[in-house]
N, C-alpha and C. Protein backbone atom coordinates (compact mmCIF):
# COMPACT_ATOMS: atom_id res chain seq x y z
N UNK A 1 97.51 110.96 112.77
CA UNK A 1 98.75 110.21 112.92
C UNK A 1 99.63 110.49 111.70
N UNK A 2 100.86 110.82 111.97
CA UNK A 2 101.84 111.03 110.90
C UNK A 2 102.57 109.72 110.66
N UNK A 3 102.55 109.27 109.42
CA UNK A 3 103.19 108.01 109.06
C UNK A 3 104.55 108.32 108.43
N UNK A 4 105.64 107.83 109.02
CA UNK A 4 106.95 108.04 108.40
C UNK A 4 106.99 107.40 107.02
N UNK A 5 107.66 108.05 106.09
CA UNK A 5 107.69 107.54 104.73
C UNK A 5 108.33 106.16 104.62
N UNK A 6 109.19 105.79 105.54
CA UNK A 6 109.84 104.48 105.47
C UNK A 6 108.99 103.36 106.05
N UNK A 7 107.80 103.67 106.55
CA UNK A 7 106.83 102.63 106.92
C UNK A 7 106.03 102.33 105.65
N UNK A 8 106.68 101.62 104.73
CA UNK A 8 106.14 101.47 103.38
C UNK A 8 104.84 100.68 103.32
N UNK A 9 104.59 99.80 104.28
CA UNK A 9 103.33 99.06 104.25
C UNK A 9 102.28 99.67 105.19
N UNK A 10 102.63 100.78 105.79
CA UNK A 10 101.73 101.59 106.62
C UNK A 10 100.98 100.75 107.66
N UNK A 11 101.76 99.98 108.42
CA UNK A 11 101.14 99.16 109.46
C UNK A 11 101.45 99.66 110.87
N UNK A 12 102.09 100.83 110.95
CA UNK A 12 102.36 101.42 112.26
C UNK A 12 103.70 101.10 112.86
N UNK A 13 104.51 100.31 112.15
CA UNK A 13 105.84 99.99 112.67
C UNK A 13 106.81 99.75 111.50
N UNK A 14 108.06 100.04 111.76
CA UNK A 14 109.11 99.78 110.78
C UNK A 14 109.72 98.44 111.17
N UNK A 15 109.57 97.46 110.28
CA UNK A 15 110.04 96.11 110.59
C UNK A 15 110.54 95.42 109.34
N UNK A 16 110.77 94.13 109.46
CA UNK A 16 111.34 93.36 108.35
C UNK A 16 110.44 93.38 107.12
N UNK A 17 109.15 93.54 107.31
CA UNK A 17 108.23 93.61 106.17
C UNK A 17 108.52 94.84 105.32
N UNK A 18 108.85 95.96 105.95
CA UNK A 18 109.20 97.16 105.21
C UNK A 18 110.52 96.99 104.46
N UNK A 19 111.51 96.42 105.16
CA UNK A 19 112.80 96.17 104.52
C UNK A 19 112.63 95.23 103.33
N UNK A 20 111.83 94.19 103.49
CA UNK A 20 111.61 93.21 102.43
C UNK A 20 110.92 93.84 101.23
N UNK A 21 109.96 94.70 101.48
CA UNK A 21 109.23 95.32 100.37
C UNK A 21 110.14 96.21 99.53
N UNK A 22 111.02 96.97 100.18
CA UNK A 22 111.97 97.79 99.43
C UNK A 22 112.99 96.89 98.73
N UNK A 23 113.41 95.82 99.38
CA UNK A 23 114.39 94.90 98.79
C UNK A 23 113.88 94.25 97.51
N UNK A 24 112.58 94.07 97.40
CA UNK A 24 112.01 93.45 96.20
C UNK A 24 112.28 94.26 94.93
N UNK A 25 112.48 95.55 95.09
CA UNK A 25 112.76 96.38 93.91
C UNK A 25 114.20 96.89 93.91
N UNK A 26 115.06 96.22 94.68
CA UNK A 26 116.49 96.56 94.71
C UNK A 26 117.05 96.52 93.29
N UNK A 27 117.79 97.55 92.93
CA UNK A 27 118.43 97.61 91.62
C UNK A 27 117.59 98.25 90.54
N UNK A 28 116.36 98.58 90.83
CA UNK A 28 115.47 99.19 89.84
C UNK A 28 115.71 100.70 89.85
N UNK A 29 115.74 101.28 88.66
CA UNK A 29 115.92 102.73 88.57
C UNK A 29 114.95 103.32 87.55
N UNK A 30 114.81 104.62 87.64
CA UNK A 30 113.96 105.35 86.71
C UNK A 30 114.62 105.29 85.33
N UNK A 31 113.95 105.03 84.26
CA UNK A 31 112.51 105.02 84.00
C UNK A 31 111.87 103.64 83.94
N UNK A 32 112.43 102.65 84.58
CA UNK A 32 111.84 101.31 84.56
C UNK A 32 110.40 101.36 85.06
N UNK A 33 109.53 100.57 84.45
CA UNK A 33 108.15 100.53 84.93
C UNK A 33 108.04 99.97 86.35
N UNK A 34 109.06 99.25 86.82
CA UNK A 34 109.06 98.71 88.19
C UNK A 34 109.50 99.75 89.22
N UNK A 35 110.06 100.87 88.74
CA UNK A 35 110.54 101.92 89.65
C UNK A 35 109.36 102.55 90.39
N UNK A 36 109.51 102.67 91.69
CA UNK A 36 108.48 103.29 92.53
C UNK A 36 109.17 104.36 93.37
N UNK A 37 108.88 105.60 93.09
CA UNK A 37 109.53 106.70 93.80
C UNK A 37 109.24 106.68 95.30
N UNK A 38 108.19 105.99 95.71
CA UNK A 38 107.89 105.88 97.15
C UNK A 38 108.97 105.11 97.90
N UNK A 39 109.76 104.31 97.19
CA UNK A 39 110.83 103.53 97.81
C UNK A 39 112.21 104.16 97.58
N UNK A 40 112.26 105.27 96.89
CA UNK A 40 113.51 105.97 96.61
C UNK A 40 113.67 107.09 97.64
N UNK A 41 114.05 106.72 98.84
CA UNK A 41 114.06 107.64 99.97
C UNK A 41 115.08 108.75 99.86
N UNK A 42 116.15 108.54 99.11
CA UNK A 42 117.14 109.60 98.94
C UNK A 42 117.01 110.30 97.59
N UNK A 43 115.96 110.00 96.86
CA UNK A 43 115.60 110.69 95.61
C UNK A 43 116.73 110.76 94.59
N UNK A 44 117.40 109.61 94.38
CA UNK A 44 118.47 109.57 93.37
C UNK A 44 118.07 108.78 92.14
N UNK A 45 116.78 108.50 91.98
CA UNK A 45 116.21 107.80 90.82
C UNK A 45 116.58 106.34 90.72
N UNK A 46 117.01 105.75 91.83
CA UNK A 46 117.27 104.30 91.86
C UNK A 46 117.02 103.76 93.26
N UNK A 47 116.61 102.51 93.29
CA UNK A 47 116.39 101.83 94.56
C UNK A 47 117.63 100.98 94.82
N UNK A 48 118.38 101.35 95.83
CA UNK A 48 119.64 100.66 96.09
C UNK A 48 119.84 100.47 97.59
N UNK A 49 121.03 100.06 97.96
CA UNK A 49 121.34 99.76 99.36
C UNK A 49 121.14 100.98 100.24
N UNK A 50 121.31 102.17 99.70
CA UNK A 50 121.11 103.38 100.50
C UNK A 50 119.66 103.51 100.94
N UNK A 51 118.74 103.16 100.07
CA UNK A 51 117.32 103.22 100.41
C UNK A 51 116.96 102.14 101.44
N UNK A 52 117.51 100.96 101.26
CA UNK A 52 117.27 99.88 102.22
C UNK A 52 117.86 100.27 103.58
N UNK A 53 119.03 100.90 103.57
CA UNK A 53 119.67 101.32 104.82
C UNK A 53 118.84 102.35 105.57
N UNK A 54 118.16 103.23 104.86
CA UNK A 54 117.30 104.22 105.51
C UNK A 54 116.18 103.53 106.27
N UNK A 55 115.58 102.53 105.64
CA UNK A 55 114.52 101.78 106.32
C UNK A 55 115.11 101.03 107.51
N UNK A 56 116.23 100.35 107.29
CA UNK A 56 116.86 99.56 108.36
C UNK A 56 117.29 100.44 109.53
N UNK A 57 117.73 101.65 109.25
CA UNK A 57 118.16 102.57 110.31
C UNK A 57 116.99 102.89 111.25
N UNK A 58 115.79 102.87 110.72
CA UNK A 58 114.60 103.20 111.51
C UNK A 58 113.86 101.95 112.00
N UNK A 59 114.48 100.80 111.80
CA UNK A 59 113.89 99.51 112.21
C UNK A 59 113.51 99.55 113.70
N UNK A 60 112.31 99.11 113.99
CA UNK A 60 111.85 99.06 115.37
C UNK A 60 111.00 100.24 115.79
N UNK A 61 111.01 101.32 114.98
CA UNK A 61 110.15 102.46 115.29
C UNK A 61 108.70 102.07 115.14
N UNK A 62 107.86 102.71 115.90
CA UNK A 62 106.43 102.54 115.72
C UNK A 62 105.76 103.89 115.90
N UNK A 63 104.55 103.96 115.42
CA UNK A 63 103.81 105.23 115.51
C UNK A 63 102.35 104.96 115.71
């Protein structure tokens, strides 16, 4: 099974739990110890609305 990277909690579906997990680190950027590159979907060294939007765009998908 291929898990999409935006299924951050790896439960088989993209839902509010994934959006919430990324939202918890909203505003964090590299080199902060809270920065997690797994949530930086557009690879710009910060977790922002663009990353949350990527997860939200795929909301409802399952695998």
